[in-house]
Amino acid sequence: MSEDMIPEPVLVERRDGGIVVVTMNNPKTKNALSPEMIRGLGAVLEELNGDASVRAIVITGADGAFCSGGDISRMAKDRQILDSRAWMRVTQKIATYVVNSSKPVIAAVEGPAFGAGMSLAAAADFAVAGAGARFCAAFAKVSLGPDMGLYYTVSQRTGVPQAKRLIMTARVVEVAEAQHIGLVDEVTETGAALPRALELAAELAASAPLTIAVTKAVFADGILTLEDAFRAERDHQPYLFRTEDHQGAVDAFKAKTPYTFKGR
């Protein structure tokens, strides 16, 4: 294939209301995460996280597949340990941008979400899956451990015992079970995951962006005890009381008029 025929690995589409759709685009490999796609995703997510006009991010895959995982055909056989550690930092940035983003991130999953694809879906704040979606922490099939934060993100969704089972057995999980164990938040008809994810993104984009940012930060830091929750309240609520959005929303409530959040 000539260079001018190689598909752009990451597509970005801006929608109304501050919603952005990020599409992994390598249908030939069911959107396997090639080095080019990994670098592209990291760059795109970094840019979107710094863009005040963005209110919600939807991540999906092209042509009926979410992501089949890492591109095994391009994995170096003689990769040195230090080289692997350096590359892991590159891939970990993607999970960092998703989990620590101040924007809500929704995964719209059709078809396979295997390996790093499952990691990416699990990192999202919300996962919407079509009826034909399948999930697999496939790392054990090639004698590897999970990457892109899966130890953390899947256990947050399913609990530790279920996370261990998913990782150790590398079994394929159909969408109904994925919803039952908490890996997926909503299930749609096949092909409808992206439209439903966009509906959810619109709901989130209309909500208070500062509340969303604080909520994501609090849960990313970890809430293990009641005192952790109290501490988060003391740290964040006084700041929120003084924001323009809080004052404007209170005034609008008193006047019985709508208020559009500004994120400040």
C-alpha atoms as a PDB file:
ATOM      1  CA  MET A   1       0.000   0.000   0.000  1.00  0.00           C
ATOM      2  CA  SER A   2       1.428   3.403  -0.933  1.00  0.00           C
ATOM      3  CA  GLU A   3       1.825   6.057   1.732  1.00  0.00           C
ATOM      4  CA  ASP A   4      -0.977   8.195   0.295  1.00  0.00           C
ATOM      5  CA  MET A   5      -3.374   5.237   0.736  1.00  0.00           C
ATOM      6  CA  ILE A   6      -2.588   4.629   4.419  1.00  0.00           C
ATOM      7  CA  PRO A   7      -5.617   5.760   6.430  1.00  0.00           C
ATOM      8  CA  GLU A   8      -5.308   8.538   8.961  1.00  0.00           C
ATOM      9  CA  PRO A   9      -5.018   6.574  12.246  1.00  0.00           C
ATOM     10  CA  VAL A  10      -7.132   8.952  14.343  1.00  0.00           C
ATOM     11  CA  LEU A  11     -10.077  10.983  13.078  1.00  0.00           C
ATOM     12  CA  VAL A  12     -11.471  13.970  14.970  1.00  0.00           C
ATOM     13  CA  GLU A  13     -14.969  15.321  14.356  1.00  0.00           C
ATOM     14  CA  ARG A  14     -16.293  18.328  16.224  1.00  0.00           C
ATOM     15  CA  ARG A  15     -20.057  18.349  16.798  1.00  0.00           C
ATOM     16  CA  ASP A  16     -22.409  21.032  18.069  1.00  0.00           C
ATOM     17  CA  GLY A  17     -22.455  21.771  21.775  1.00  0.00           C
ATOM     18  CA  GLY A  18     -18.749  21.183  22.363  1.00  0.00           C
ATOM     19  CA  ILE A  19     -18.921  17.436  21.649  1.00  0.00           C
ATOM     20  CA  VAL A  20     -15.941  15.832  19.907  1.00  0.00           C
ATOM     21  CA  VAL A  21     -15.889  12.348  18.377  1.00  0.00           C
ATOM     22  CA  VAL A  22     -12.474  10.663  18.250  1.00  0.00           C
ATOM     23  CA  THR A  23     -12.374   7.640  15.946  1.00  0.00           C
ATOM     24  CA  MET A  24      -9.647   4.994  15.843  1.00  0.00           C
ATOM     25  CA  ASN A  25      -9.284   4.369  12.146  1.00  0.00           C
ATOM     26  CA  ASN A  26      -7.535   1.254  10.918  1.00  0.00           C
ATOM     27  CA  PRO A  27     -10.377  -1.022   9.770  1.00  0.00           C
ATOM     28  CA  LYS A  28      -7.993  -3.539   8.184  1.00  0.00           C
ATOM     29  CA  THR A  29      -6.791  -4.559  11.665  1.00  0.00           C
ATOM     30  CA  LYS A  30     -10.095  -3.833  13.471  1.00  0.00           C
ATOM     31  CA  ASN A  31      -8.454  -0.650  14.689  1.00  0.00           C
ATOM     32  CA  ALA A  32      -5.486  -2.294  16.385  1.00  0.00           C
ATOM     33  CA  LEU A  33      -3.355   0.211  18.258  1.00  0.00           C
ATOM     34  CA  SER A  34      -0.367   0.748  16.010  1.00  0.00           C
ATOM     35  CA  PRO A  35       2.426   3.048  17.211  1.00  0.00           C
ATOM     36  CA  GLU A  36       1.052   5.749  14.909  1.00  0.00           C
ATOM     37  CA  MET A  37      -2.438   5.409  16.375  1.00  0.00           C
ATOM     38  CA  ILE A  38      -1.116   5.450  19.940  1.00  0.00           C
ATOM     39  CA  ARG A  39       0.859   8.631  19.325  1.00  0.00           C
ATOM     40  CA  GLY A  40      -2.103  10.144  17.488  1.00  0.00           C
ATOM     41  CA  LEU A  41      -4.550   9.337  20.289  1.00  0.00           C
ATOM     42  CA  GLY A  42      -2.224  10.788  22.880  1.00  0.00           C
ATOM     43  CA  ALA A  43      -1.753  14.005  20.903  1.00  0.00           C
ATOM     44  CA  VAL A  44      -5.472  14.390  20.185  1.00  0.00           C
ATOM     45  CA  LEU A  45      -6.569  13.760  23.768  1.00  0.00           C
ATOM     46  CA  GLU A  46      -3.937  16.143  25.109  1.00  0.00           C
ATOM     47  CA  GLU A  47      -5.168  18.857  22.763  1.00  0.00           C
ATOM     48  CA  LEU A  48      -8.850  18.287  23.576  1.00  0.00           C
ATOM     49  CA  ASN A  49      -8.181  18.314  27.317  1.00  0.00           C
ATOM     50  CA  GLY A  50      -6.652  21.768  26.979  1.00  0.00           C
ATOM     51  CA  ASP A  51      -9.473  23.146  24.817  1.00  0.00           C
ATOM     52  CA  ALA A  52     -12.019  25.071  26.904  1.00  0.00           C
ATOM     53  CA  SER A  53     -14.620  24.807  24.115  1.00  0.00           C
ATOM     54  CA  VAL A  54     -14.750  20.992  24.454  1.00  0.00           C
ATOM     55  CA  ARG A  55     -17.479  19.772  26.810  1.00  0.00           C
ATOM     56  CA  ALA A  56     -17.546  16.016  26.118  1.00  0.00           C
ATOM     57  CA  ILE A  57     -15.421  13.463  24.260  1.00  0.00           C
ATOM     58  CA  VAL A  58     -16.694  10.295  22.559  1.00  0.00           C
ATOM     59  CA  ILE A  59     -14.137   7.628  21.605  1.00  0.00           C
ATOM     60  CA  THR A  60     -15.119   5.004  19.050  1.00  0.00           C
ATOM     61  CA  GLY A  61     -13.698   2.816  16.291  1.00  0.00           C
ATOM     62  CA  ALA A  62     -14.239   2.743  12.551  1.00  0.00           C
ATOM     63  CA  ASP A  63     -16.267   0.199  10.565  1.00  0.00           C
ATOM     64  CA  GLY A  64     -18.059  -1.688  13.319  1.00  0.00           C
ATOM     65  CA  ALA A  65     -15.065  -2.445  15.532  1.00  0.00           C
ATOM     66  CA  PHE A  66     -13.863  -0.598  18.603  1.00  0.00           C
ATOM     67  CA  CYS A  67     -10.270  -1.813  18.953  1.00  0.00           C
ATOM     68  CA  SER A  68      -8.733  -5.264  18.656  1.00  0.00           C
ATOM     69  CA  GLY A  69      -5.859  -4.398  20.989  1.00  0.00           C
ATOM     70  CA  GLY A  70      -2.192  -3.874  20.330  1.00  0.00           C
ATOM     71  CA  ASP A  71      -0.828  -4.480  16.848  1.00  0.00           C
ATOM     72  CA  ILE A  72       0.922  -7.794  17.545  1.00  0.00           C
ATOM     73  CA  SER A  73       2.357  -7.959  14.020  1.00  0.00           C
ATOM     74  CA  ARG A  74       4.456  -4.893  14.818  1.00  0.00           C
ATOM     75  CA  MET A  75       5.667  -5.868  18.278  1.00  0.00           C
ATOM     76  CA  ALA A  76       9.441  -6.001  18.356  1.00  0.00           C
ATOM     77  CA  LYS A  77      10.865  -9.415  19.237  1.00  0.00           C
ATOM     78  CA  ASP A  78      14.048  -7.988  20.703  1.00  0.00           C
ATOM     79  CA  ARG A  79      12.687  -4.956  22.512  1.00  0.00           C
ATOM     80  CA  GLN A  80      14.927  -4.093  25.430  1.00  0.00           C
ATOM     81  CA  ILE A  81      13.514  -3.616  28.934  1.00  0.00           C
ATOM     82  CA  LEU A  82      14.337   0.095  29.089  1.00  0.00           C
ATOM     83  CA  ASP A  83      12.810   0.608  25.636  1.00  0.00           C
ATOM     84  CA  SER A  84       9.634  -1.131  26.811  1.00  0.00           C
ATOM     85  CA  ARG A  85       9.443   1.038  29.900  1.00  0.00           C
ATOM     86  CA  ALA A  86       9.795   4.169  27.780  1.00  0.00           C
ATOM     87  CA  TRP A  87       7.065   2.989  25.400  1.00  0.00           C
ATOM     88  CA  MET A  88       4.766   2.120  28.297  1.00  0.00           C
ATOM     89  CA  ARG A  89       4.922   5.752  29.381  1.00  0.00           C
ATOM     90  CA  VAL A  90       3.670   6.738  25.928  1.00  0.00           C
ATOM     91  CA  THR A  91       0.697   4.358  26.083  1.00  0.00           C
ATOM     92  CA  GLN A  92      -0.059   5.286  29.697  1.00  0.00           C
ATOM     93  CA  LYS A  93      -0.544   8.900  28.680  1.00  0.00           C
ATOM     94  CA  ILE A  94      -3.709   7.861  26.831  1.00  0.00           C
ATOM     95  CA  ALA A  95      -5.275   6.375  29.958  1.00  0.00           C
ATOM     96  CA  THR A  96      -4.111   9.396  31.945  1.00  0.00           C
ATOM     97  CA  TYR A  97      -5.788  11.796  29.520  1.00  0.00           C
ATOM     98  CA  VAL A  98      -9.032   9.795  29.734  1.00  0.00           C
ATOM     99  CA  VAL A  99      -9.191   9.196  33.494  1.00  0.00           C
ATOM    100  CA  ASN A 100      -7.762  12.547  34.607  1.00  0.00           C
ATOM    101  CA  SER A 101      -9.457  14.652  31.938  1.00  0.00           C
ATOM    102  CA  SER A 102     -11.705  17.434  33.180  1.00  0.00           C
ATOM    103  CA  LYS A 103     -14.092  16.448  30.362  1.00  0.00           C
ATOM    104  CA  PRO A 104     -16.475  13.485  30.459  1.00  0.00           C
ATOM    105  CA  VAL A 105     -15.285  10.685  28.163  1.00  0.00           C
ATOM    106  CA  ILE A 106     -17.681   8.132  26.673  1.00  0.00           C
ATOM    107  CA  ALA A 107     -16.632   4.952  24.853  1.00  0.00           C
ATOM    108  CA  ALA A 108     -18.961   3.909  22.027  1.00  0.00           C
ATOM    109  CA  VAL A 109     -18.130   0.232  21.510  1.00  0.00           C
ATOM    110  CA  GLU A 110     -19.113  -1.952  18.579  1.00  0.00           C
ATOM    111  CA  GLY A 111     -17.533  -5.325  17.861  1.00  0.00           C
ATOM    112  CA  PRO A 112     -14.316  -6.276  19.651  1.00  0.00           C
ATOM    113  CA  ALA A 113     -12.770  -4.337  22.507  1.00  0.00           C
ATOM    114  CA  PHE A 114      -9.816  -6.622  23.146  1.00  0.00           C
ATOM    115  CA  GLY A 115      -6.554  -6.101  24.999  1.00  0.00           C
ATOM    116  CA  ALA A 116      -5.688  -2.407  25.034  1.00  0.00           C
ATOM    117  CA  GLY A 117      -9.067  -1.781  23.425  1.00  0.00           C
ATOM    118  CA  MET A 118     -10.725  -3.094  26.568  1.00  0.00           C
ATOM    119  CA  SER A 119      -8.324  -0.954  28.614  1.00  0.00           C
ATOM    120  CA  LEU A 120      -9.447   2.131  26.730  1.00  0.00           C
ATOM    121  CA  ALA A 121     -13.143   1.318  27.111  1.00  0.00           C
ATOM    122  CA  ALA A 122     -12.730   0.617  30.835  1.00  0.00           C
ATOM    123  CA  ALA A 123     -10.927   3.926  31.347  1.00  0.00           C
ATOM    124  CA  ALA A 124     -13.847   5.928  29.973  1.00  0.00           C
ATOM    125  CA  ASP A 125     -16.331   7.499  32.365  1.00  0.00           C
ATOM    126  CA  PHE A 126     -19.187   5.746  30.579  1.00  0.00           C
ATOM    127  CA  ALA A 127     -19.239   2.847  28.116  1.00  0.00           C
ATOM    128  CA  VAL A 128     -22.085   2.327  25.652  1.00  0.00           C
ATOM    129  CA  ALA A 129     -21.946  -0.912  23.652  1.00  0.00           C
ATOM    130  CA  GLY A 130     -23.797  -2.318  20.696  1.00  0.00           C
ATOM    131  CA  ALA A 131     -25.406  -5.753  21.008  1.00  0.00           C
ATOM    132  CA  GLY A 132     -22.543  -7.403  19.132  1.00  0.00           C
ATOM    133  CA  ALA A 133     -19.760  -5.944  21.254  1.00  0.00           C
ATOM    134  CA  ARG A 134     -17.298  -8.320  22.924  1.00  0.00           C
ATOM    135  CA  PHE A 135     -14.650  -7.685  25.540  1.00  0.00           C
ATOM    136  CA  CYS A 136     -11.462  -9.551  26.340  1.00  0.00           C
ATOM    137  CA  ALA A 137      -8.446  -8.745  28.484  1.00  0.00           C
ATOM    138  CA  ALA A 138      -6.436 -10.761  26.002  1.00  0.00           C
ATOM    139  CA  PHE A 139      -2.976 -10.118  27.443  1.00  0.00           C
ATOM    140  CA  ALA A 140      -2.564 -13.578  28.999  1.00  0.00           C
ATOM    141  CA  LYS A 141      -3.002 -15.119  25.555  1.00  0.00           C
ATOM    142  CA  VAL A 142       0.421 -13.722  24.641  1.00  0.00           C
ATOM    143  CA  SER A 143       1.887 -13.990  28.168  1.00  0.00           C
ATOM    144  CA  LEU A 144       1.702 -10.296  28.956  1.00  0.00           C
ATOM    145  CA  GLY A 145       0.148  -8.278  31.753  1.00  0.00           C
ATOM    146  CA  PRO A 146      -2.482  -5.600  31.167  1.00  0.00           C
ATOM    147  CA  ASP A 147      -1.501  -2.112  30.104  1.00  0.00           C
ATOM    148  CA  MET A 148      -3.033   1.366  29.893  1.00  0.00           C
ATOM    149  CA  GLY A 149      -4.174   1.215  33.505  1.00  0.00           C
ATOM    150  CA  LEU A 150      -6.448  -1.821  33.237  1.00  0.00           C
ATOM    151  CA  TYR A 151      -5.547  -3.163  36.682  1.00  0.00           C
ATOM    152  CA  TYR A 152      -7.058  -0.001  38.123  1.00  0.00           C
ATOM    153  CA  THR A 153      -9.876   0.836  35.708  1.00  0.00           C
ATOM    154  CA  VAL A 154     -11.451  -2.612  35.383  1.00  0.00           C
ATOM    155  CA  SER A 155     -11.358  -3.190  39.134  1.00  0.00           C
ATOM    156  CA  GLN A 156     -13.089   0.166  39.609  1.00  0.00           C
ATOM    157  CA  ARG A 157     -15.853  -1.045  37.322  1.00  0.00           C
ATOM    158  CA  THR A 158     -16.238  -4.702  38.275  1.00  0.00           C
ATOM    159  CA  GLY A 159     -14.581  -5.121  41.676  1.00  0.00           C
ATOM    160  CA  VAL A 160     -11.270  -6.841  42.340  1.00  0.00           C
ATOM    161  CA  PRO A 161     -12.303 -10.543  42.200  1.00  0.00           C
ATOM    162  CA  GLN A 162     -14.029 -10.132  38.840  1.00  0.00           C
ATOM    163  CA  ALA A 163     -11.109  -8.079  37.523  1.00  0.00           C
ATOM    164  CA  LYS A 164      -8.671 -10.838  38.480  1.00  0.00           C
ATOM    165  CA  ARG A 165     -10.785 -13.407  36.682  1.00  0.00           C
ATOM    166  CA  LEU A 166     -11.065 -11.320  33.508  1.00  0.00           C
ATOM    167  CA  ILE A 167      -7.316 -10.710  33.416  1.00  0.00           C
ATOM    168  CA  MET A 168      -6.126 -14.195  34.423  1.00  0.00           C
ATOM    169  CA  THR A 169      -8.435 -16.185  32.126  1.00  0.00           C
ATOM    170  CA  ALA A 170      -8.423 -13.789  29.144  1.00  0.00           C
ATOM    171  CA  ARG A 171     -11.887 -15.057  28.319  1.00  0.00           C
ATOM    172  CA  VAL A 172     -14.207 -13.343  25.873  1.00  0.00           C
ATOM    173  CA  VAL A 173     -17.124 -11.569  27.560  1.00  0.00           C
ATOM    174  CA  GLU A 174     -20.297 -11.017  25.555  1.00  0.00           C
ATOM    175  CA  VAL A 175     -22.083  -7.709  25.962  1.00  0.00           C
ATOM    176  CA  ALA A 176     -24.908  -8.917  28.222  1.00  0.00           C
ATOM    177  CA  GLU A 177     -22.435 -10.236  30.786  1.00  0.00           C
ATOM    178  CA  ALA A 178     -20.284  -7.131  30.367  1.00  0.00           C
ATOM    179  CA  GLN A 179     -23.258  -5.004  31.390  1.00  0.00           C
ATOM    180  CA  HIS A 180     -24.113  -7.350  34.268  1.00  0.00           C
ATOM    181  CA  ILE A 181     -20.643  -7.109  35.821  1.00  0.00           C
ATOM    182  CA  GLY A 182     -20.370  -3.355  35.273  1.00  0.00           C
ATOM    183  CA  LEU A 183     -17.909  -3.289  32.408  1.00  0.00           C
ATOM    184  CA  VAL A 184     -20.564  -1.631  30.241  1.00  0.00           C
ATOM    185  CA  ASP A 185     -23.083   0.994  31.344  1.00  0.00           C
ATOM    186  CA  GLU A 186     -25.620   0.756  28.510  1.00  0.00           C
ATOM    187  CA  VAL A 187     -26.360  -1.686  25.691  1.00  0.00           C
ATOM    188  CA  THR A 188     -27.949  -0.679  22.417  1.00  0.00           C
ATOM    189  CA  GLU A 189     -28.854  -2.389  19.178  1.00  0.00           C
ATOM    190  CA  THR A 190     -25.891  -3.181  16.952  1.00  0.00           C
ATOM    191  CA  GLY A 191     -24.767  -0.020  15.222  1.00  0.00           C
ATOM    192  CA  ALA A 192     -26.497   2.300  17.690  1.00  0.00           C
ATOM    193  CA  ALA A 193     -23.707   2.700  20.249  1.00  0.00           C
ATOM    194  CA  LEU A 194     -22.373   5.924  18.740  1.00  0.00           C
ATOM    195  CA  PRO A 195     -25.778   7.646  18.426  1.00  0.00           C
ATOM    196  CA  ARG A 196     -26.595   6.760  22.032  1.00  0.00           C
ATOM    197  CA  ALA A 197     -23.141   7.889  23.177  1.00  0.00           C
ATOM    198  CA  LEU A 198     -23.737  11.213  21.441  1.00  0.00           C
ATOM    199  CA  GLU A 199     -27.052  11.602  23.274  1.00  0.00           C
ATOM    200  CA  LEU A 200     -25.302  10.974  26.569  1.00  0.00           C
ATOM    201  CA  ALA A 201     -22.517  13.366  25.571  1.00  0.00           C
ATOM    202  CA  ALA A 202     -25.115  16.073  24.910  1.00  0.00           C
ATOM    203  CA  GLU A 203     -26.581  15.563  28.397  1.00  0.00           C
ATOM    204  CA  LEU A 204     -23.136  15.836  29.960  1.00  0.00           C
ATOM    205  CA  ALA A 205     -22.138  18.805  27.806  1.00  0.00           C
ATOM    206  CA  ALA A 206     -25.167  20.707  29.093  1.00  0.00           C
ATOM    207  CA  SER A 207     -24.268  19.987  32.708  1.00  0.00           C
ATOM    208  CA  ALA A 208     -21.956  22.048  34.914  1.00  0.00           C
ATOM    209  CA  PRO A 209     -18.400  21.493  33.601  1.00  0.00           C
ATOM    210  CA  LEU A 210     -16.784  22.456  36.903  1.00  0.00           C
ATOM    211  CA  THR A 211     -18.861  19.880  38.780  1.00  0.00           C
ATOM    212  CA  ILE A 212     -17.836  17.270  36.213  1.00  0.00           C
ATOM    213  CA  ALA A 213     -14.165  18.225  36.477  1.00  0.00           C
ATOM    214  CA  VAL A 214     -14.210  18.085  40.287  1.00  0.00           C
ATOM    215  CA  THR A 215     -16.103  14.769  40.314  1.00  0.00           C
ATOM    216  CA  LYS A 216     -13.614  13.168  37.930  1.00  0.00           C
ATOM    217  CA  ALA A 217     -10.666  14.439  39.946  1.00  0.00           C
ATOM    218  CA  VAL A 218     -12.114  13.173  43.227  1.00  0.00           C
ATOM    219  CA  PHE A 219     -12.778   9.674  41.920  1.00  0.00           C
ATOM    220  CA  ALA A 220      -9.401   9.522  40.152  1.00  0.00           C
ATOM    221  CA  ASP A 221      -7.704  10.330  43.468  1.00  0.00           C
ATOM    222  CA  GLY A 222      -9.716   7.582  45.157  1.00  0.00           C
ATOM    223  CA  ILE A 223     -12.574   7.535  47.663  1.00  0.00           C
ATOM    224  CA  LEU A 224     -12.070   4.683  50.099  1.00  0.00           C
ATOM    225  CA  THR A 225     -13.612   6.037  53.286  1.00  0.00           C
ATOM    226  CA  LEU A 226     -16.271   8.485  54.427  1.00  0.00           C
ATOM    227  CA  GLU A 227     -13.490  10.789  55.572  1.00  0.00           C
ATOM    228  CA  ASP A 228     -12.073  10.771  52.026  1.00  0.00           C
ATOM    229  CA  ALA A 229     -15.455  12.063  50.820  1.00  0.00           C
ATOM    230  CA  PHE A 230     -15.590  14.711  53.552  1.00  0.00           C
ATOM    231  CA  ARG A 231     -12.058  15.841  52.691  1.00  0.00           C
ATOM    232  CA  ALA A 232     -12.965  16.151  49.002  1.00  0.00           C
ATOM    233  CA  GLU A 233     -15.994  18.242  49.940  1.00  0.00           C
ATOM    234  CA  ARG A 234     -13.896  20.570  52.095  1.00  0.00           C
ATOM    235  CA  ASP A 235     -11.254  20.904  49.374  1.00  0.00           C
ATOM    236  CA  HIS A 236     -13.554  21.618  46.442  1.00  0.00           C
ATOM    237  CA  GLN A 237     -16.892  23.008  47.603  1.00  0.00           C
ATOM    238  CA  PRO A 238     -15.624  26.387  48.907  1.00  0.00           C
ATOM    239  CA  TYR A 239     -14.012  26.986  45.526  1.00  0.00           C
ATOM    240  CA  LEU A 240     -17.189  26.031  43.655  1.00  0.00           C
ATOM    241  CA  PHE A 241     -19.272  28.374  45.842  1.00  0.00           C
ATOM    242  CA  ARG A 242     -17.280  31.301  44.428  1.00  0.00           C
ATOM    243  CA  THR A 243     -17.537  30.426  40.737  1.00  0.00           C
ATOM    244  CA  GLU A 244     -19.459  32.424  38.167  1.00  0.00           C
ATOM    245  CA  ASP A 245     -21.430  29.318  37.210  1.00  0.00           C
ATOM    246  CA  HIS A 246     -22.686  28.766  40.762  1.00  0.00           C
ATOM    247  CA  GLN A 247     -23.736  32.372  41.225  1.00  0.00           C
ATOM    248  CA  GLY A 248     -25.325  32.528  37.777  1.00  0.00           C
ATOM    249  CA  ALA A 249     -27.217  29.263  38.256  1.00  0.00           C
ATOM    250  CA  VAL A 250     -28.554  30.419  41.650  1.00  0.00           C
ATOM    251  CA  ASP A 251     -29.705  33.733  40.184  1.00  0.00           C
ATOM    252  CA  ALA A 252     -31.336  31.935  37.264  1.00  0.00           C
ATOM    253  CA  PHE A 253     -33.102  29.533  39.638  1.00  0.00           C
ATOM    254  CA  LYS A 254     -34.516  32.449  41.621  1.00  0.00           C
ATOM    255  CA  ALA A 255     -35.618  34.181  38.416  1.00  0.00           C
ATOM    256  CA  LYS A 256     -37.006  30.928  36.999  1.00  0.00           C
ATOM    257  CA  THR A 257     -34.901  31.336  33.840  1.00  0.00           C
ATOM    258  CA  PRO A 258     -32.516  28.853  32.180  1.00  0.00           C
ATOM    259  CA  TYR A 259     -28.787  29.163  32.696  1.00  0.00           C
ATOM    260  CA  THR A 260     -26.022  28.107  30.325  1.00  0.00           C
ATOM    261  CA  PHE A 261     -22.911  26.947  32.160  1.00  0.00           C
ATOM    262  CA  LYS A 262     -19.675  28.656  31.138  1.00  0.00           C
ATOM    263  CA  GLY A 263     -17.113  26.578  32.991  1.00  0.00           C
ATOM    264  CA  ARG A 264     -15.839  29.416  35.117  1.00  0.00           C
END
